[in-house]
Protein backbone atom coordinates (compact mmCIF):
# COMPACT_ATOMS: atom_id res chain seq x y z
CA MET A 1 -45.96 11.21 -7.77
CA LEU A 2 -42.47 11.13 -6.25
CA VAL A 3 -41.63 14.51 -4.72
CA PRO A 4 -38.37 15.95 -6.14
CA ALA A 5 -35.38 16.22 -3.82
CA GLY A 6 -34.46 19.86 -4.48
CA VAL A 7 -34.92 22.60 -1.88
CA ASP A 8 -35.41 26.32 -2.56
CA LEU A 9 -33.70 28.11 0.32
CA VAL A 10 -35.94 31.19 0.17
CA ALA A 11 -39.11 31.88 -1.77
CA ASN A 12 -41.87 34.44 -1.51
CA LEU A 13 -45.55 33.68 -1.29
CA PHE A 14 -46.63 35.62 -4.38
CA THR A 15 -50.28 34.77 -4.91
CA PRO A 16 -52.56 37.33 -6.57
CA ASP A 17 -53.98 38.22 -3.14
CA VAL A 18 -50.52 38.83 -1.70
CA VAL A 19 -49.52 40.84 -4.78
CA ALA A 20 -52.59 43.05 -4.31
CA SER A 21 -51.53 43.79 -0.72
CA ARG A 22 -48.01 44.88 -1.61
CA PRO A 23 -46.97 48.52 -2.16
CA SER A 24 -47.20 50.16 -5.58
CA TRP A 25 -43.43 50.11 -6.11
CA VAL A 26 -43.26 46.30 -6.26
CA ALA A 27 -44.61 45.75 -9.79
CA GLY A 28 -42.39 48.40 -11.35
CA PHE A 29 -39.33 47.09 -9.53
CA HIS A 30 -39.89 43.52 -10.71
CA ARG A 31 -40.40 44.75 -14.25
CA ARG A 32 -37.36 47.06 -14.40
CA ALA A 33 -34.79 45.36 -12.16
CA ASN A 34 -35.74 41.70 -12.52
CA GLY A 35 -37.16 41.63 -16.03
CA LEU A 36 -40.20 39.60 -14.99
CA PRO A 37 -43.06 39.22 -17.46
CA PRO A 38 -46.55 40.56 -16.62
CA LYS A 39 -47.98 37.08 -15.99
CA ILE A 40 -45.51 36.51 -13.12
CA ILE A 41 -45.83 40.04 -11.74
CA ALA A 42 -49.60 39.52 -11.53
CA GLY A 43 -49.08 36.65 -9.10
CA THR A 44 -48.77 32.86 -8.98
CA THR A 45 -51.25 30.61 -7.23
CA VAL A 46 -49.90 28.01 -4.83
CA PRO A 47 -50.87 25.08 -7.15
CA ALA A 48 -49.13 26.80 -10.07
CA MET A 49 -46.05 27.39 -7.92
CA ILE A 50 -45.94 23.71 -6.95
CA GLU A 51 -46.25 22.69 -10.60
CA ALA A 52 -43.32 24.97 -11.53
CA MET A 53 -41.30 23.54 -8.63
CA ASP A 54 -41.97 20.00 -9.86
CA ASP A 55 -40.83 20.85 -13.36
CA ALA A 56 -37.58 22.28 -11.94
CA GLY A 57 -36.90 19.36 -9.58
CA ILE A 58 -37.72 21.37 -6.43
CA GLY A 59 -39.54 19.39 -3.78
CA ARG A 60 -39.67 21.97 -1.01
CA ALA A 61 -39.52 25.75 -0.74
CA LEU A 62 -38.88 27.76 2.41
CA LEU A 63 -41.54 30.48 2.39
CA LEU A 64 -40.60 33.84 3.86
CA ALA A 65 -42.96 35.91 6.00
CA ALA A 66 -41.20 39.02 4.72
CA ARG A 67 -40.59 42.12 6.82
CA LEU A 68 -39.65 45.11 4.66
CA GLY A 69 -38.93 48.25 6.66
CA ARG A 70 -40.19 49.92 9.80
CA ARG A 71 -43.95 50.06 10.07
CA GLY A 72 -45.47 53.38 9.12
CA LEU A 73 -42.69 54.45 6.78
CA PRO A 74 -43.65 54.95 3.13
CA GLY A 75 -42.86 51.89 1.05
CA SER A 76 -42.67 49.47 3.98
CA TRP A 77 -44.61 46.22 3.92
CA GLU A 78 -44.82 42.91 5.71
CA LEU A 79 -46.57 39.60 5.21
CA ASN A 80 -48.62 38.18 8.04
CA PRO A 81 -46.84 34.98 9.19
CA GLN A 82 -50.24 33.32 9.45
CA ASP A 83 -50.50 33.46 5.65
CA VAL A 84 -47.33 31.40 5.42
CA ALA A 85 -48.45 29.07 8.21
CA ASP A 86 -51.71 28.39 6.36
CA VAL A 87 -49.89 27.38 3.15
CA VAL A 88 -47.47 25.18 5.10
CA GLU A 89 -50.37 23.50 6.88
CA ALA A 90 -52.12 22.84 3.57
CA HIS A 91 -48.94 21.51 1.89
CA PRO A 92 -46.63 20.23 4.64
CA ASP A 93 -44.65 18.08 2.23
CA ARG A 94 -43.84 21.02 -0.07
CA PHE A 95 -43.33 24.12 2.09
CA SER A 96 -41.72 25.22 5.35
CA GLY A 97 -41.94 28.64 6.96
CA LEU A 98 -39.29 31.28 7.71
CA VAL A 99 -39.90 34.01 10.29
CA GLY A 100 -39.23 37.49 8.94
CA ILE A 101 -37.49 39.71 11.49
CA ASN A 102 -38.12 43.37 12.23
CA PRO A 103 -35.41 44.30 14.75
CA TYR A 104 -37.48 47.23 16.02
CA ASP A 105 -40.03 44.77 17.42
CA SER A 106 -37.52 44.13 20.22
CA MET A 107 -38.53 41.41 22.68
CA ALA A 108 -42.06 41.15 21.28
CA GLY A 109 -40.44 40.03 18.02
CA VAL A 110 -38.25 37.53 19.87
CA ARG A 111 -41.34 36.02 21.50
CA GLU A 112 -43.07 35.86 18.12
CA LEU A 113 -40.03 34.07 16.67
CA GLU A 114 -40.16 31.47 19.42
CA ARG A 115 -43.94 30.99 19.05
CA LEU A 116 -43.75 30.49 15.29
CA VAL A 117 -40.92 27.97 15.59
CA ARG A 118 -42.32 26.02 18.53
CA ASP A 119 -46.04 26.13 17.74
CA TYR A 120 -46.15 26.40 13.94
CA GLY A 121 -43.02 24.53 12.91
CA PHE A 122 -41.22 27.40 11.18
CA VAL A 123 -37.70 26.18 10.43
CA GLY A 124 -35.67 29.39 10.64
CA ALA A 125 -35.51 33.17 10.56
CA HIS A 126 -34.83 35.65 7.76
CA ALA A 127 -33.70 39.28 7.85
CA TYR A 128 -33.12 42.12 5.40
CA PRO A 129 -30.70 44.40 7.30
CA HIS A 130 -30.80 47.10 4.62
CA TRP A 131 -34.54 47.61 4.99
CA PHE A 132 -33.89 48.73 8.56
CA GLU A 133 -30.49 50.33 7.88
CA LEU A 134 -28.99 48.30 10.70
CA PRO A 135 -25.91 46.24 9.75
CA PRO A 136 -25.92 42.57 10.79
CA ASP A 137 -23.58 43.30 13.72
CA ASP A 138 -25.84 46.01 15.20
CA PRO A 139 -26.89 45.16 18.79
CA ALA A 140 -30.58 45.26 17.81
CA TRP A 141 -30.23 41.94 15.99
CA PHE A 142 -28.53 39.99 18.76
CA PRO A 143 -31.62 39.03 20.80
CA TYR A 144 -32.90 37.31 17.64
CA TYR A 145 -29.55 35.62 17.05
CA ALA A 146 -29.56 34.33 20.61
CA LYS A 147 -33.09 32.98 20.30
CA CYS A 148 -32.27 31.25 16.99
CA ALA A 149 -29.22 29.66 18.60
CA GLU A 150 -31.32 28.54 21.56
CA LEU A 151 -34.00 27.08 19.29
CA GLY A 152 -31.42 25.48 16.99
CA VAL A 153 -32.70 27.15 13.80
CA PRO A 154 -30.67 29.03 11.16
CA MET A 155 -30.73 32.77 10.54
CA GLN A 156 -30.70 34.01 6.94
CA LEU A 157 -29.14 37.45 6.42
CA GLN A 158 -29.18 39.37 3.16
CA VAL A 159 -25.54 40.16 2.42
CA GLY A 160 -24.43 42.49 -0.33
CA TYR A 161 -25.49 45.56 -2.25
CA CYS A 162 -29.12 46.61 -2.12
CA ARG A 163 -31.06 48.49 -4.78
CA VAL A 164 -33.51 51.35 -4.35
CA TYR A 165 -36.70 49.34 -3.99
CA ALA A 166 -39.16 51.95 -2.78
CA PRO A 167 -38.05 55.35 -4.20
CA GLU A 168 -39.55 57.06 -1.16
CA GLN A 169 -37.41 54.93 1.17
CA PRO A 170 -33.90 54.42 -0.26
CA SER A 171 -31.71 52.25 1.96
CA GLU A 172 -27.98 51.96 2.55
CA SER A 173 -26.15 48.76 1.62
CA VAL A 174 -25.30 47.77 5.18
CA GLY A 175 -25.00 44.00 4.70
CA ARG A 176 -21.26 43.54 4.35
CA PRO A 177 -19.51 40.19 4.87
CA GLU A 178 -17.23 41.59 7.57
CA CYS A 179 -20.33 42.20 9.69
CA VAL A 180 -21.26 38.54 9.35
CA ASP A 181 -17.70 37.62 10.33
CA ARG A 182 -18.11 39.57 13.58
CA VAL A 183 -21.47 37.95 14.33
CA ALA A 184 -20.04 34.49 13.69
CA CYS A 185 -17.14 35.18 16.04
CA LEU A 186 -19.49 36.34 18.79
CA MET A 187 -22.19 33.70 18.18
CA PRO A 188 -20.46 30.43 17.17
CA GLU A 189 -23.57 28.41 18.08
CA LEU A 190 -25.71 30.35 15.57
CA THR A 191 -26.06 28.95 12.05
CA ILE A 192 -25.86 31.87 9.61
CA ILE A 193 -26.69 31.82 5.91
CA GLY A 194 -25.56 34.84 3.92
CA ILE A 195 -28.12 35.03 1.12
CA HIS A 196 -28.08 36.88 -2.24
CA VAL A 197 -24.53 35.45 -2.82
CA GLY A 198 -23.03 38.53 -1.11
CA TRP A 199 -22.73 40.37 -4.43
CA PRO A 200 -20.66 42.44 -5.18
CA TRP A 201 -18.59 41.21 -2.21
CA THR A 202 -18.96 37.53 -3.05
CA ASP A 203 -15.27 36.75 -2.59
CA GLN A 204 -15.38 38.22 0.91
CA MET A 205 -18.53 36.21 1.63
CA ILE A 206 -16.73 33.07 0.49
CA ALA A 207 -13.83 33.92 2.82
CA VAL A 208 -16.21 34.31 5.79
CA ALA A 209 -18.00 31.04 5.00
CA ASN A 210 -14.66 29.27 4.64
CA LYS A 211 -13.47 30.69 7.96
CA HIS A 212 -16.47 29.72 10.08
CA ASP A 213 -18.07 26.30 10.45
CA ASN A 214 -21.40 27.99 11.20
CA VAL A 215 -21.57 30.27 8.11
CA TYR A 216 -23.03 29.29 4.73
CA ILE A 217 -23.93 31.02 1.45
CA GLY A 218 -27.32 31.14 -0.29
CA THR A 219 -27.54 31.63 -4.06
CA ASP A 220 -31.00 33.23 -4.18
CA ARG A 221 -31.83 36.47 -6.05
CA HIS A 222 -29.22 35.82 -8.75
CA ALA A 223 -29.87 33.42 -11.64
CA PRO A 224 -27.15 30.76 -12.04
CA SER A 225 -25.80 32.38 -15.22
CA ARG A 226 -24.95 35.43 -13.11
CA TRP A 227 -23.20 33.65 -10.27
CA PRO A 228 -19.59 34.86 -10.00
CA ASP A 229 -17.01 32.40 -11.27
CA SER A 230 -15.42 32.30 -7.83
CA LEU A 231 -18.70 31.11 -6.31
CA VAL A 232 -19.12 28.34 -8.91
CA ALA A 233 -15.55 27.20 -8.24
CA TYR A 234 -16.14 27.26 -4.47
CA LEU A 235 -19.41 25.30 -4.52
CA SER A 236 -17.85 22.79 -6.94
CA GLY A 237 -14.86 22.15 -4.68
CA PRO A 238 -13.95 23.21 -1.14
CA GLY A 239 -17.36 24.77 -0.52
CA ARG A 240 -19.47 21.84 -1.70
CA GLU A 241 -21.12 21.56 1.72
CA LYS A 242 -21.32 25.33 2.29
CA VAL A 243 -23.58 26.64 -0.49
CA LEU A 244 -27.39 26.32 -0.69
CA PHE A 245 -29.58 26.83 -3.75
CA GLY A 246 -32.30 29.48 -3.69
CA THR A 247 -34.37 31.58 -6.07
CA ASP A 248 -36.08 34.33 -4.04
CA PHE A 249 -39.09 33.31 -6.13
CA PRO A 250 -40.48 34.97 -8.19
CA VAL A 251 -37.23 36.91 -8.70
CA VAL A 252 -35.65 33.90 -10.41
CA PRO A 253 -38.44 31.87 -12.04
CA TYR A 254 -38.07 28.14 -11.56
CA GLU A 255 -37.78 27.32 -15.25
CA VAL A 256 -34.93 29.86 -15.58
CA ALA A 257 -33.13 28.42 -12.55
CA ARG A 258 -33.38 24.87 -13.89
CA ARG A 259 -32.22 25.74 -17.40
CA GLU A 260 -29.26 27.79 -16.21
CA LEU A 261 -28.23 25.24 -13.57
CA ASP A 262 -28.10 22.56 -16.24
CA ALA A 263 -25.91 24.86 -18.35
CA LEU A 264 -23.32 25.03 -15.53
CA GLY A 265 -22.54 21.34 -16.02
CA LEU A 266 -22.05 20.56 -12.32
CA ASP A 267 -21.07 17.01 -11.40
CA ALA A 268 -23.71 14.85 -9.71
CA GLU A 269 -22.24 15.10 -6.20
CA THR A 270 -22.03 18.89 -6.36
CA GLU A 271 -25.55 19.28 -7.73
CA GLN A 272 -27.01 16.99 -5.08
CA ALA A 273 -25.39 18.98 -2.28
CA LEU A 274 -26.27 22.37 -3.74
CA MET A 275 -29.83 21.57 -4.73
CA GLY A 276 -31.01 19.92 -1.56
CA GLY A 277 -28.52 17.93 0.45
CA ASN A 278 -27.05 20.91 2.27
CA ALA A 279 -30.39 22.53 3.02
CA ARG A 280 -31.92 19.31 4.27
CA ARG A 281 -28.97 18.78 6.61
CA ILE A 282 -28.75 22.36 7.90
CA TYR A 283 -32.51 22.80 8.37
CA GLY A 284 -33.19 19.24 9.52
CA LEU A 285 -35.80 18.82 6.79
CA ASP A 286 -35.58 15.03 6.74
C-alpha cells in the first residue's frame, strides 16, 4: 500500500494503556470541551490510529511525549518518552517522536532532549508554557531553545488561550504571540512553530510568522471549520509555506479533519503545502 503524503504536526499516543495512566480529569475534559465520543475517549490502538490516518490521507504523525505540569502537583502528568520511542521503532515509516519539555528539569532536561534526538531520532521538541505558567520568553526555556538550535530541530510552542484542564491546577494563558516575537528576535537560528493557531490571538500570530523567517503556525487543536478566516486566507496566499496541518489527536479525529478540510475547497498547491510539504521540509522528514 502506498503511504499517504500528509503529515500530522502533533498527535498524542492515546492507546487504552496510556489513557489508563492519565489523570481523572482527562476523560471529562475531552467529553465536555472537545465533544469526543466514548469510543475515542476510551483509547485508540496504534493499528486503529494508522488505519484512521490512512483514511484521512495522513502518512506520518509526530507523536508527543507530553509534559503537563510540574511533577508532584495535582493534575500533572507526563508520558515516558520511551513509550513514544517504542512506537516509532515499531512503525518508523508512520511516526516520528517529539520531546516534551518541562522547563523545571533544567540542564537534566536539556541533556535528555539531546539524547532523544541523537540516539532515538526524535525530530523536535514540544512545550506547553501554560502548564508551567512560564511564558515562552521566560529565561527557563532558553537552554532548550539553544539546544534545539544547535541540534537543528524545531521547537513547538502552544500559543493562545488555555482552558482549565485540571480543576485543581488552573493555569494562566501565558502563551502570547508577542512572547514568540521576542524569542524569534533573540534566537533567529531556532525554528519555532506556534501551535493551536494562536487563538484568540491568531492575527497577532500571523503577524509574527510573517515577520520572522524562522516562525511558523500549526493548526492543531482546532478543527478546520473553526479556523479563523484570516488564517485560511493567510495559508491560501502569502503564508502558503508558513502553516502546518495538525490535529492534536484525538482532539480532532482524523475523519473530522479530512471532511472539514475538503469543505474548505483549498487549491491543490495550498493543500499539498499545508498537509505535508511544509512539515516534511521543516522537519527534514524526507
